[in-house]
Amino acid sequence: MMKKKGLMFLVTLILVLMLISGCTPRTTPATTNPRTGNQGLVLRFVPGNPPPHIAVGDPFSIQVEVSNLGAFPQDPSTATDPDTSGPMEGVIYLEGFDPNFFSFSEVINLNVPGVQIPPTLYGKDQYNAKGTTDYVSFNGQINSLPHGDTEFQQRFLVTACYYYRTIALPTVCIDPDPFRTQVKQRICQYNQVLNLGGGQGGPVAVTYVKPDTGSSTIRYDIGISNSGNGLLLKPDNYLAECPNAAYSEVNFVRVRVFVDNIDITGSCRPGDPPNNEGLLVRLIDNKAVITCTFPKPPKEMPAYLAPMKIVISYGYSTSIQGNLRVLPQ
């Protein structure tokens, strides 16, 4: 009898535990908005690499930590927007070493040492607020000293040239007839300026959207700024121009604009005719303003809020400087 009661108690306990576990709410990973800040790739020398000094004939390594602190690209397996999905593309170059005295094993373009940026160097997403970090190395050797020198200081640059995108997602007011009188309160104001300070997860940022209305269209002035500390390159051929870009190839971006899921890029001015990546726009003093128009809906419709999407594509170049003391053998 005691064994039977013990068995019944055990079965009851198991059923209660199963019921409790079934009622416990499931937790989901905390999400965050990745489209903040004005950073893209950030470079940093790994401490001790290169060493503070080297001797003639000695091999040495320059190791660079590369962090993607922006919001592009995102892992294709988890990205929800095709405009954010894709591999990281670009090259990191080593500049400043005289090839008569130094040799490196990594030479991929223009006889300049360079390595590909890891394609999985993904940016921030809704589940990863910090981005990702990886490392690249340049393995070199000094073959001789300049004639007559007993030692010298070698200054050099590490330059990242990469493709990037900034995506801004403001909400705009669509009012087909903003000047009509009505008793009830409007849901939004057609001329409310949207200040978008703080960036959208890239070194290029949309700073504001200023709407206005015409007889048949709504006009949007869109402010664009290079808010990082690097150089803008045409996204069409940024690698061909880097690391020695000509003036005619710098300070350009391509822009696409959508309102209420309608592509209005073709209405935007000024800029060169758009291709599949958008209108080609040049920044002056790191700033530009474009104006785009959206056709008004019928006047009978009430005002409503609609999504706007601004996609900015560009090449970007940023550098860090190092020094190396070279001694005789």
Foldseek 3Di string as FASTA:
>chain_A
DVVVVVVVVVVVVVVVVVVVVVPDDDDDFAWDQQFFAQAAKDKDWDPVQPPQADEAPDKGKTKIKIAGAFQAAADPVPDPDPLNYFFWWWKKWKDQDDPVFKDWPAQDPPRTRMDIDGRRQHYDGGRRNGGDMDMDMIMMGTNDDPPPDQKDKTKMKIKIKTKDKFKDKDKAKAALCQPDDDDDDAPDHRFDKAADPRGTGHQKGWGIWGWDDDNWKIKIKIKIFRNDDWWWFALVPRVVQPPPHDPVGTQKKFKWKDKQNHTQLQQKDDADGADPRHGIDGADPRMDIIMTIDTHDDNVDGMDMIIMMMMIITMIMDMDMDMYMYGYD
